[in-house]
Amino acid sequence: DALHQFSLARIQWRQQHAILFKDRPDYNFILADNG
């Protein structure tokens, strides 16, 4: 809970004073047992 609140404050800080990452997905390959 505390880490969550801290991170929200830092996200707000970076939005004002730095640059936030663009919210793009990571595409992950899910492999079956046979590869």
PDB file of all heavy atoms in Angstrom:
ATOM      1  N   ASP A   1       0.827  -1.206   0.000  1.00  0.00           N
ATOM      2  CA  ASP A   1       0.000   0.000   0.000  1.00  0.00           C
ATOM      3  C   ASP A   1       0.865   1.262   0.000  1.00  0.00           C
ATOM      4  O   ASP A   1       0.566   2.228  -0.716  1.00  0.00           O
ATOM      5  CB  ASP A   1      -0.941   0.004   1.208  1.00  0.00           C
ATOM      6  CG  ASP A   1      -2.016  -1.083   1.116  1.00  0.00           C
ATOM      7  OD1 ASP A   1      -2.225  -1.605  -0.005  1.00  0.00           O
ATOM      8  OD2 ASP A   1      -2.626  -1.408   2.151  1.00  0.00           O
ATOM      9  N   ALA A   2       1.924   1.273   0.798  1.00  0.00           N
ATOM     10  CA  ALA A   2       2.797   2.453   0.865  1.00  0.00           C
ATOM     11  C   ALA A   2       3.582   2.634  -0.438  1.00  0.00           C
ATOM     12  O   ALA A   2       3.734   3.761  -0.930  1.00  0.00           O
ATOM     13  CB  ALA A   2       3.749   2.329   2.048  1.00  0.00           C
ATOM     14  N   LEU A   3       4.086   1.541  -0.993  1.00  0.00           N
ATOM     15  CA  LEU A   3       4.802   1.633  -2.275  1.00  0.00           C
ATOM     16  C   LEU A   3       3.877   2.142  -3.375  1.00  0.00           C
ATOM     17  O   LEU A   3       4.292   2.902  -4.258  1.00  0.00           O
ATOM     18  CB  LEU A   3       5.370   0.263  -2.659  1.00  0.00           C
ATOM     19  CG  LEU A   3       6.600  -0.202  -1.875  1.00  0.00           C
ATOM     20  CD1 LEU A   3       6.878  -1.676  -2.143  1.00  0.00           C
ATOM     21  CD2 LEU A   3       7.826   0.646  -2.238  1.00  0.00           C
ATOM     22  N   HIS A   4       2.622   1.731  -3.318  1.00  0.00           N
ATOM     23  CA  HIS A   4       1.642   2.202  -4.289  1.00  0.00           C
ATOM     24  C   HIS A   4       1.479   3.719  -4.199  1.00  0.00           C
ATOM     25  O   HIS A   4       1.544   4.438  -5.213  1.00  0.00           O
ATOM     26  CB  HIS A   4       0.306   1.497  -4.030  1.00  0.00           C
ATOM     27  CG  HIS A   4      -0.774   1.900  -4.978  1.00  0.00           C
ATOM     28  ND1 HIS A   4      -2.112   1.913  -4.616  1.00  0.00           N
ATOM     29  CD2 HIS A   4      -0.728   2.334  -6.258  1.00  0.00           C
ATOM     30  CE1 HIS A   4      -2.831   2.311  -5.647  1.00  0.00           C
ATOM     31  NE2 HIS A   4      -2.024   2.572  -6.658  1.00  0.00           N
ATOM     32  N   GLN A   5       1.265   4.230  -2.982  1.00  0.00           N
ATOM     33  CA  GLN A   5       1.089   5.670  -2.809  1.00  0.00           C
ATOM     34  C   GLN A   5       2.348   6.435  -3.208  1.00  0.00           C
ATOM     35  O   GLN A   5       2.270   7.496  -3.851  1.00  0.00           O
ATOM     36  CB  GLN A   5       0.718   5.974  -1.346  1.00  0.00           C
ATOM     37  CG  GLN A   5      -0.636   5.437  -0.921  1.00  0.00           C
ATOM     38  CD  GLN A   5      -1.757   5.912  -1.826  1.00  0.00           C
ATOM     39  OE1 GLN A   5      -1.861   7.111  -2.115  1.00  0.00           O
ATOM     40  NE2 GLN A   5      -2.595   4.994  -2.287  1.00  0.00           N
ATOM     41  N   PHE A   6       3.503   5.891  -2.859  1.00  0.00           N
ATOM     42  CA  PHE A   6       4.767   6.533  -3.240  1.00  0.00           C
ATOM     43  C   PHE A   6       4.899   6.609  -4.759  1.00  0.00           C
ATOM     44  O   PHE A   6       5.277   7.645  -5.314  1.00  0.00           O
ATOM     45  CB  PHE A   6       5.934   5.739  -2.642  1.00  0.00           C
ATOM     46  CG  PHE A   6       7.282   6.170  -3.152  1.00  0.00           C
ATOM     47  CD1 PHE A   6       7.905   7.296  -2.645  1.00  0.00           C
ATOM     48  CD2 PHE A   6       7.929   5.449  -4.152  1.00  0.00           C
ATOM     49  CE1 PHE A   6       9.148   7.700  -3.120  1.00  0.00           C
ATOM     50  CE2 PHE A   6       9.168   5.837  -4.630  1.00  0.00           C
ATOM     51  CZ  PHE A   6       9.779   6.965  -4.114  1.00  0.00           C
ATOM     52  N   SER A   7       4.581   5.517  -5.438  1.00  0.00           N
ATOM     53  CA  SER A   7       4.744   5.497  -6.891  1.00  0.00           C
ATOM     54  C   SER A   7       3.795   6.473  -7.571  1.00  0.00           C
ATOM     55  O   SER A   7       4.158   7.114  -8.564  1.00  0.00           O
ATOM     56  CB  SER A   7       4.527   4.078  -7.433  1.00  0.00           C
ATOM     57  OG  SER A   7       3.179   3.671  -7.284  1.00  0.00           O
ATOM     58  N   LEU A   8       2.577   6.627  -7.053  1.00  0.00           N
ATOM     59  CA  LEU A   8       1.643   7.591  -7.630  1.00  0.00           C
ATOM     60  C   LEU A   8       2.189   9.015  -7.507  1.00  0.00           C
ATOM     61  O   LEU A   8       2.060   9.825  -8.443  1.00  0.00           O
ATOM     62  CB  LEU A   8       0.277   7.486  -6.942  1.00  0.00           C
ATOM     63  CG  LEU A   8      -0.496   6.186  -7.167  1.00  0.00           C
ATOM     64  CD1 LEU A   8      -1.807   6.199  -6.378  1.00  0.00           C
ATOM     65  CD2 LEU A   8      -0.770   5.949  -8.643  1.00  0.00           C
ATOM     66  N   ALA A   9       2.809   9.300  -6.372  1.00  0.00           N
ATOM     67  CA  ALA A   9       3.415  10.624  -6.191  1.00  0.00           C
ATOM     68  C   ALA A   9       4.574  10.828  -7.152  1.00  0.00           C
ATOM     69  O   ALA A   9       4.739  11.907  -7.736  1.00  0.00           O
ATOM     70  CB  ALA A   9       3.883  10.790  -4.742  1.00  0.00           C
ATOM     71  N   ARG A  10       5.401   9.797  -7.350  1.00  0.00           N
ATOM     72  CA  ARG A  10       6.541   9.923  -8.255  1.00  0.00           C
ATOM     73  C   ARG A  10       6.096  10.015  -9.713  1.00  0.00           C
ATOM     74  O   ARG A  10       6.703  10.725 -10.514  1.00  0.00           O
ATOM     75  CB  ARG A  10       7.490   8.736  -8.064  1.00  0.00           C
ATOM     76  CG  ARG A  10       8.373   8.832  -6.843  1.00  0.00           C
ATOM     77  CD  ARG A  10       9.306  10.024  -6.903  1.00  0.00           C
ATOM     78  NE  ARG A  10      10.232   9.942  -8.036  1.00  0.00           N
ATOM     79  CZ  ARG A  10      11.118  10.885  -8.347  1.00  0.00           C
ATOM     80  NH1 ARG A  10      11.190  11.996  -7.626  1.00  0.00           N
ATOM     81  NH2 ARG A  10      11.922  10.729  -9.380  1.00  0.00           N
ATOM     82  N   ILE A  11       5.020   9.309 -10.071  1.00  0.00           N
ATOM     83  CA  ILE A  11       4.496   9.430 -11.434  1.00  0.00           C
ATOM     84  C   ILE A  11       4.048  10.869 -11.682  1.00  0.00           C
ATOM     85  O   ILE A  11       4.333  11.456 -12.730  1.00  0.00           O
ATOM     86  CB  ILE A  11       3.336   8.438 -11.657  1.00  0.00           C
ATOM     87  CG1 ILE A  11       3.874   7.003 -11.720  1.00  0.00           C
ATOM     88  CG2 ILE A  11       2.570   8.778 -12.938  1.00  0.00           C
ATOM     89  CD1 ILE A  11       2.785   5.943 -11.710  1.00  0.00           C
ATOM     90  N   GLN A  12       3.350  11.442 -10.692  1.00  0.00           N
ATOM     91  CA  GLN A  12       2.909  12.826 -10.816  1.00  0.00           C
ATOM     92  C   GLN A  12       4.107  13.767 -10.901  1.00  0.00           C
ATOM     93  O   GLN A  12       4.128  14.713 -11.697  1.00  0.00           O
ATOM     94  CB  GLN A  12       2.018  13.199  -9.625  1.00  0.00           C
ATOM     95  CG  GLN A  12       1.429  14.596  -9.677  1.00  0.00           C
ATOM     96  CD  GLN A  12       0.421  14.756 -10.793  1.00  0.00           C
ATOM     97  OE1 GLN A  12      -0.209  13.789 -11.203  1.00  0.00           O
ATOM     98  NE2 GLN A  12       0.273  15.975 -11.308  1.00  0.00           N
ATOM     99  N   TRP A  13       5.146  13.489 -10.109  1.00  0.00           N
ATOM    100  CA  TRP A  13       6.351  14.339 -10.128  1.00  0.00           C
ATOM    101  C   TRP A  13       7.021  14.277 -11.492  1.00  0.00           C
ATOM    102  O   TRP A  13       7.401  15.313 -12.058  1.00  0.00           O
ATOM    103  CB  TRP A  13       7.330  13.870  -9.037  1.00  0.00           C
ATOM    104  CG  TRP A  13       8.545  14.753  -8.935  1.00  0.00           C
ATOM    105  CD1 TRP A  13       8.712  15.817  -8.099  1.00  0.00           C
ATOM    106  CD2 TRP A  13       9.748  14.638  -9.702  1.00  0.00           C
ATOM    107  NE1 TRP A  13       9.947  16.388  -8.298  1.00  0.00           N
ATOM    108  CE2 TRP A  13      10.609  15.683  -9.274  1.00  0.00           C
ATOM    109  CE3 TRP A  13      10.195  13.782 -10.694  1.00  0.00           C
ATOM    110  CZ2 TRP A  13      11.881  15.885  -9.811  1.00  0.00           C
ATOM    111  CZ3 TRP A  13      11.459  13.975 -11.247  1.00  0.00           C
ATOM    112  CH2 TRP A  13      12.291  15.009 -10.804  1.00  0.00           C
ATOM    113  N   ARG A  14       7.157  13.076 -12.039  1.00  0.00           N
ATOM    114  CA  ARG A  14       7.833  12.949 -13.339  1.00  0.00           C
ATOM    115  C   ARG A  14       6.987  13.553 -14.456  1.00  0.00           C
ATOM    116  O   ARG A  14       7.526  14.068 -15.437  1.00  0.00           O
ATOM    117  CB  ARG A  14       8.143  11.486 -13.633  1.00  0.00           C
ATOM    118  CG  ARG A  14       9.285  10.935 -12.802  1.00  0.00           C
ATOM    119  CD  ARG A  14      10.012   9.812 -13.488  1.00  0.00           C
ATOM    120  NE  ARG A  14       9.191   8.684 -13.807  1.00  0.00           N
ATOM    121  CZ  ARG A  14       9.109   8.133 -15.016  1.00  0.00           C
ATOM    122  NH1 ARG A  14       9.795   8.631 -16.030  1.00  0.00           N
ATOM    123  NH2 ARG A  14       8.322   7.078 -15.220  1.00  0.00           N
ATOM    124  N   GLN A  15       5.673  13.480 -14.321  1.00  0.00           N
ATOM    125  CA  GLN A  15       4.809  14.084 -15.329  1.00  0.00           C
ATOM    126  C   GLN A  15       5.018  15.595 -15.386  1.00  0.00           C
ATOM    127  O   GLN A  15       4.951  16.203 -16.458  1.00  0.00           O
ATOM    128  CB  GLN A  15       3.351  13.765 -15.003  1.00  0.00           C
ATOM    129  CG  GLN A  15       2.378  14.059 -16.136  1.00  0.00           C
ATOM    130  CD  GLN A  15       1.010  13.464 -15.862  1.00  0.00           C
ATOM    131  OE1 GLN A  15       0.581  13.383 -14.717  1.00  0.00           O
ATOM    132  NE2 GLN A  15       0.314  13.041 -16.899  1.00  0.00           N
ATOM    133  N   GLN A  16       5.322  16.208 -14.236  1.00  0.00           N
ATOM    134  CA  GLN A  16       5.522  17.653 -14.171  1.00  0.00           C
ATOM    135  C   GLN A  16       6.958  18.060 -14.460  1.00  0.00           C
ATOM    136  O   GLN A  16       7.201  19.077 -15.118  1.00  0.00           O
ATOM    137  CB  GLN A  16       5.112  18.172 -12.793  1.00  0.00           C
ATOM    138  CG  GLN A  16       3.631  18.027 -12.489  1.00  0.00           C
ATOM    139  CD  GLN A  16       3.286  18.471 -11.081  1.00  0.00           C
ATOM    140  OE1 GLN A  16       4.158  18.896 -10.313  1.00  0.00           O
ATOM    141  NE2 GLN A  16       2.013  18.381 -10.725  1.00  0.00           N
ATOM    142  N   HIS A  17       7.931  17.257 -13.987  1.00  0.00           N
ATOM    143  CA  HIS A  17       9.323  17.700 -14.011  1.00  0.00           C
ATOM    144  C   HIS A  17      10.211  16.902 -14.964  1.00  0.00           C
ATOM    145  O   HIS A  17      11.362  17.288 -15.190  1.00  0.00           O
ATOM    146  CB  HIS A  17       9.923  17.605 -12.597  1.00  0.00           C
ATOM    147  CG  HIS A  17       9.187  18.407 -11.577  1.00  0.00           C
ATOM    148  ND1 HIS A  17       9.267  19.785 -11.515  1.00  0.00           N
ATOM    149  CD2 HIS A  17       8.333  18.031 -10.585  1.00  0.00           C
ATOM    150  CE1 HIS A  17       8.518  20.224 -10.519  1.00  0.00           C
ATOM    151  NE2 HIS A  17       7.928  19.179  -9.939  1.00  0.00           N
ATOM    152  N   ALA A  18       9.717  15.806 -15.497  1.00  0.00           N
ATOM    153  CA  ALA A  18      10.549  14.969 -16.371  1.00  0.00           C
ATOM    154  C   ALA A  18       9.662  14.464 -17.511  1.00  0.00           C
ATOM    155  O   ALA A  18       8.798  15.194 -18.002  1.00  0.00           O
ATOM    156  CB  ALA A  18      11.166  13.810 -15.577  1.00  0.00           C
ATOM    157  N   ILE A  19       9.864  13.236 -17.947  1.00  0.00           N
ATOM    158  CA  ILE A  19       9.090  12.670 -19.054  1.00  0.00           C
ATOM    159  C   ILE A  19       8.643  11.265 -18.687  1.00  0.00           C
ATOM    160  O   ILE A  19       9.457  10.454 -18.222  1.00  0.00           O
ATOM    161  CB  ILE A  19       9.926  12.634 -20.351  1.00  0.00           C
ATOM    162  CG1 ILE A  19      10.246  14.069 -20.815  1.00  0.00           C
ATOM    163  CG2 ILE A  19       9.188  11.885 -21.461  1.00  0.00           C
ATOM    164  CD1 ILE A  19      11.184  14.130 -21.996  1.00  0.00           C
ATOM    165  N   LEU A  20       7.364  10.978 -18.890  1.00  0.00           N
ATOM    166  CA  LEU A  20       6.830   9.644 -18.638  1.00  0.00           C
ATOM    167  C   LEU A  20       6.960   8.779 -19.881  1.00  0.00           C
ATOM    168  O   LEU A  20       6.951   9.275 -21.013  1.00  0.00           O
ATOM    169  CB  LEU A  20       5.358   9.722 -18.234  1.00  0.00           C
ATOM    170  CG  LEU A  20       5.040  10.355 -16.879  1.00  0.00           C
ATOM    171  CD1 LEU A  20       3.532  10.413 -16.697  1.00  0.00           C
ATOM    172  CD2 LEU A  20       5.685   9.570 -15.747  1.00  0.00           C
ATOM    173  N   PHE A  21       7.069   7.470 -19.665  1.00  0.00           N
ATOM    174  CA  PHE A  21       7.093   6.535 -20.776  1.00  0.00           C
ATOM    175  C   PHE A  21       5.719   6.479 -21.434  1.00  0.00           C
ATOM    176  O   PHE A  21       4.693   6.564 -20.762  1.00  0.00           O
ATOM    177  CB  PHE A  21       7.467   5.119 -20.306  1.00  0.00           C
ATOM    178  CG  PHE A  21       8.848   5.028 -19.726  1.00  0.00           C
ATOM    179  CD1 PHE A  21       9.037   4.500 -18.457  1.00  0.00           C
ATOM    180  CD2 PHE A  21       9.960   5.449 -20.432  1.00  0.00           C
ATOM    181  CE1 PHE A  21      10.298   4.398 -17.912  1.00  0.00           C
ATOM    182  CE2 PHE A  21      11.229   5.347 -19.899  1.00  0.00           C
ATOM    183  CZ  PHE A  21      11.398   4.822 -18.634  1.00  0.00           C
ATOM    184  N   LYS A  22       5.719   6.321 -22.747  1.00  0.00           N
ATOM    185  CA  LYS A  22       4.456   6.076 -23.449  1.00  0.00           C
ATOM    186  C   LYS A  22       3.964   4.669 -23.110  1.00  0.00           C
ATOM    187  O   LYS A  22       4.752   3.731 -22.982  1.00  0.00           O
ATOM    188  CB  LYS A  22       4.649   6.219 -24.963  1.00  0.00           C
ATOM    189  CG  LYS A  22       5.033   7.628 -25.387  1.00  0.00           C
ATOM    190  CD  LYS A  22       3.899   8.606 -25.113  1.00  0.00           C
ATOM    191  CE  LYS A  22       4.210  10.020 -25.606  1.00  0.00           C
ATOM    192  NZ  LYS A  22       5.303  10.688 -24.886  1.00  0.00           N
ATOM    193  N   ASP A  23       2.663   4.532 -22.970  1.00  0.00           N
ATOM    194  CA  ASP A  23       2.078   3.258 -22.523  1.00  0.00           C
ATOM    195  C   ASP A  23       1.886   2.332 -23.724  1.00  0.00           C
ATOM    196  O   ASP A  23       0.802   2.259 -24.305  1.00  0.00           O
ATOM    197  CB  ASP A  23       0.751   3.510 -21.814  1.00  0.00           C
ATOM    198  CG  ASP A  23       0.306   2.306 -21.006  1.00  0.00           C
ATOM    199  OD1 ASP A  23       1.143   1.414 -20.779  1.00  0.00           O
ATOM    200  OD2 ASP A  23      -0.869   2.263 -20.611  1.00  0.00           O
ATOM    201  N   ARG A  24       2.964   1.635 -24.096  1.00  0.00           N
ATOM    202  CA  ARG A  24       2.898   0.684 -25.208  1.00  0.00           C
ATOM    203  C   ARG A  24       3.013  -0.734 -24.658  1.00  0.00           C
ATOM    204  O   ARG A  24       3.727  -0.969 -23.686  1.00  0.00           O
ATOM    205  CB  ARG A  24       4.025   0.951 -26.206  1.00  0.00           C
ATOM    206  CG  ARG A  24       3.971   2.342 -26.828  1.00  0.00           C
ATOM    207  CD  ARG A  24       5.020   2.489 -27.927  1.00  0.00           C
ATOM    208  NE  ARG A  24       5.013   3.839 -28.475  1.00  0.00           N
ATOM    209  CZ  ARG A  24       5.792   4.836 -28.047  1.00  0.00           C
ATOM    210  NH1 ARG A  24       6.649   4.609 -27.068  1.00  0.00           N
ATOM    211  NH2 ARG A  24       5.727   6.030 -28.594  1.00  0.00           N
ATOM    212  N   PRO A  25       2.351  -1.692 -25.295  1.00  0.00           N
ATOM    213  CA  PRO A  25       2.384  -3.061 -24.762  1.00  0.00           C
ATOM    214  C   PRO A  25       3.690  -3.777 -25.078  1.00  0.00           C
ATOM    215  O   PRO A  25       4.379  -3.446 -26.052  1.00  0.00           O
ATOM    216  CB  PRO A  25       1.216  -3.733 -25.482  1.00  0.00           C
ATOM    217  CG  PRO A  25       1.124  -3.005 -26.792  1.00  0.00           C
ATOM    218  CD  PRO A  25       1.476  -1.580 -26.479  1.00  0.00           C
ATOM    219  N   ASP A  26       4.025  -4.748 -24.255  1.00  0.00           N
ATOM    220  CA  ASP A  26       5.058  -5.728 -24.575  1.00  0.00           C
ATOM    221  C   ASP A  26       4.346  -6.955 -25.127  1.00  0.00           C
ATOM    222  O   ASP A  26       3.383  -7.444 -24.522  1.00  0.00           O
ATOM    223  CB  ASP A  26       5.862  -6.113 -23.332  1.00  0.00           C
ATOM    224  CG  ASP A  26       6.736  -4.977 -22.827  1.00  0.00           C
ATOM    225  OD1 ASP A  26       7.267  -4.233 -23.667  1.00  0.00           O
ATOM    226  OD2 ASP A  26       6.867  -4.832 -21.601  1.00  0.00           O
ATOM    227  N   TYR A  27       4.820  -7.438 -26.260  1.00  0.00           N
ATOM    228  CA  TYR A  27       4.207  -8.624 -26.866  1.00  0.00           C
ATOM    229  C   TYR A  27       5.022  -9.848 -26.462  1.00  0.00           C
ATOM    230  O   TYR A  27       6.211  -9.946 -26.770  1.00  0.00           O
ATOM    231  CB  TYR A  27       4.158  -8.470 -28.383  1.00  0.00           C
ATOM    232  CG  TYR A  27       3.239  -7.365 -28.831  1.00  0.00           C
ATOM    233  CD1 TYR A  27       3.736  -6.125 -29.203  1.00  0.00           C
ATOM    234  CD2 TYR A  27       1.860  -7.547 -28.864  1.00  0.00           C
ATOM    235  CE1 TYR A  27       2.894  -5.100 -29.620  1.00  0.00           C
ATOM    236  CE2 TYR A  27       1.004  -6.530 -29.271  1.00  0.00           C
ATOM    237  CZ  TYR A  27       1.535  -5.302 -29.646  1.00  0.00           C
ATOM    238  OH  TYR A  27       0.690  -4.290 -30.042  1.00  0.00           O
ATOM    239  N   ASN A  28       4.387 -10.762 -25.768  1.00  0.00           N
ATOM    240  CA  ASN A  28       5.081 -11.923 -25.219  1.00  0.00           C
ATOM    241  C   ASN A  28       4.574 -13.212 -25.861  1.00  0.00           C
ATOM    242  O   ASN A  28       3.361 -13.431 -25.984  1.00  0.00           O
ATOM    243  CB  ASN A  28       4.880 -11.994 -23.698  1.00  0.00           C
ATOM    244  CG  ASN A  28       5.581 -10.849 -22.992  1.00  0.00           C
ATOM    245  OD1 ASN A  28       6.747 -10.576 -23.246  1.00  0.00           O
ATOM    246  ND2 ASN A  28       4.869 -10.163 -22.118  1.00  0.00           N
ATOM    247  N   PHE A  29       5.530 -14.054 -26.247  1.00  0.00           N
ATOM    248  CA  PHE A  29       5.201 -15.348 -26.842  1.00  0.00           C
ATOM    249  C   PHE A  29       4.977 -16.371 -25.731  1.00  0.00           C
ATOM    250  O   PHE A  29       5.856 -16.577 -24.881  1.00  0.00           O
ATOM    251  CB  PHE A  29       6.338 -15.829 -27.744  1.00  0.00           C
ATOM    252  CG  PHE A  29       6.562 -14.957 -28.952  1.00  0.00           C
ATOM    253  CD1 PHE A  29       7.484 -13.930 -28.923  1.00  0.00           C
ATOM    254  CD2 PHE A  29       5.830 -15.154 -30.119  1.00  0.00           C
ATOM    255  CE1 PHE A  29       7.693 -13.119 -30.025  1.00  0.00           C
ATOM    256  CE2 PHE A  29       6.021 -14.351 -31.225  1.00  0.00           C
ATOM    257  CZ  PHE A  29       6.956 -13.329 -31.184  1.00  0.00           C
ATOM    258  N   ILE A  30       3.825 -17.008 -25.745  1.00  0.00           N
ATOM    259  CA  ILE A  30       3.515 -18.064 -24.787  1.00  0.00           C
ATOM    260  C   ILE A  30       3.758 -19.391 -25.504  1.00  0.00           C
ATOM    261  O   ILE A  30       3.144 -19.668 -26.545  1.00  0.00           O
ATOM    262  CB  ILE A  30       2.059 -17.975 -24.297  1.00  0.00           C
ATOM    263  CG1 ILE A  30       1.737 -16.536 -23.838  1.00  0.00           C
ATOM    264  CG2 ILE A  30       1.819 -18.988 -23.193  1.00  0.00           C
ATOM    265  CD1 ILE A  30       2.652 -16.010 -22.749  1.00  0.00           C
ATOM    266  N   LEU A  31       4.667 -20.202 -24.951  1.00  0.00           N
ATOM    267  CA  LEU A  31       5.066 -21.437 -25.616  1.00  0.00           C
ATOM    268  C   LEU A  31       4.381 -22.646 -24.996  1.00  0.00           C
ATOM    269  O   LEU A  31       4.228 -22.737 -23.772  1.00  0.00           O
ATOM    270  CB  LEU A  31       6.586 -21.613 -25.525  1.00  0.00           C
ATOM    271  CG  LEU A  31       7.450 -20.456 -26.056  1.00  0.00           C
ATOM    272  CD1 LEU A  31       8.930 -20.795 -25.912  1.00  0.00           C
ATOM    273  CD2 LEU A  31       7.106 -20.138 -27.503  1.00  0.00           C
ATOM    274  N   ALA A  32       3.989 -23.569 -25.865  1.00  0.00           N
ATOM    275  CA  ALA A  32       3.435 -24.843 -25.401  1.00  0.00           C
ATOM    276  C   ALA A  32       4.579 -25.767 -24.986  1.00  0.00           C
ATOM    277  O   ALA A  32       5.758 -25.455 -25.176  1.00  0.00           O
ATOM    278  CB  ALA A  32       2.609 -25.479 -26.519  1.00  0.00           C
ATOM    279  N   ASP A  33       4.229 -26.926 -24.428  1.00  0.00           N
ATOM    280  CA  ASP A  33       5.257 -27.871 -23.973  1.00  0.00           C
ATOM    281  C   ASP A  33       6.158 -28.351 -25.108  1.00  0.00           C
ATOM    282  O   ASP A  33       7.325 -28.678 -24.889  1.00  0.00           O
ATOM    283  CB  ASP A  33       4.591 -29.083 -23.301  1.00  0.00           C
ATOM    284  CG  ASP A  33       3.916 -28.702 -21.994  1.00  0.00           C
ATOM    285  OD1 ASP A  33       4.269 -27.654 -21.425  1.00  0.00           O
ATOM    286  OD2 ASP A  33       3.024 -29.448 -21.547  1.00  0.00           O
ATOM    287  N   ASN A  34       5.635 -28.385 -26.328  1.00  0.00           N
ATOM    288  CA  ASN A  34       6.441 -28.847 -27.464  1.00  0.00           C
ATOM    289  C   ASN A  34       7.269 -27.730 -28.095  1.00  0.00           C
ATOM    290  O   ASN A  34       7.924 -27.928 -29.120  1.00  0.00           O
ATOM    291  CB  ASN A  34       5.541 -29.476 -28.533  1.00  0.00           C
ATOM    292  CG  ASN A  34       4.525 -28.485 -29.101  1.00  0.00           C
ATOM    293  OD1 ASN A  34       4.492 -27.314 -28.708  1.00  0.00           O
ATOM    294  ND2 ASN A  34       3.690 -28.959 -30.017  1.00  0.00           N
ATOM    295  N   GLY A  35       7.242 -26.544 -27.479  1.00  0.00           N
ATOM    296  CA  GLY A  35       8.048 -25.434 -27.964  1.00  0.00           C
ATOM    297  C   GLY A  35       7.354 -24.547 -28.969  1.00  0.00           C
ATOM    298  O   GLY A  35       7.879 -23.487 -29.330  1.00  0.00           O
TER     299      GLY A  35
END
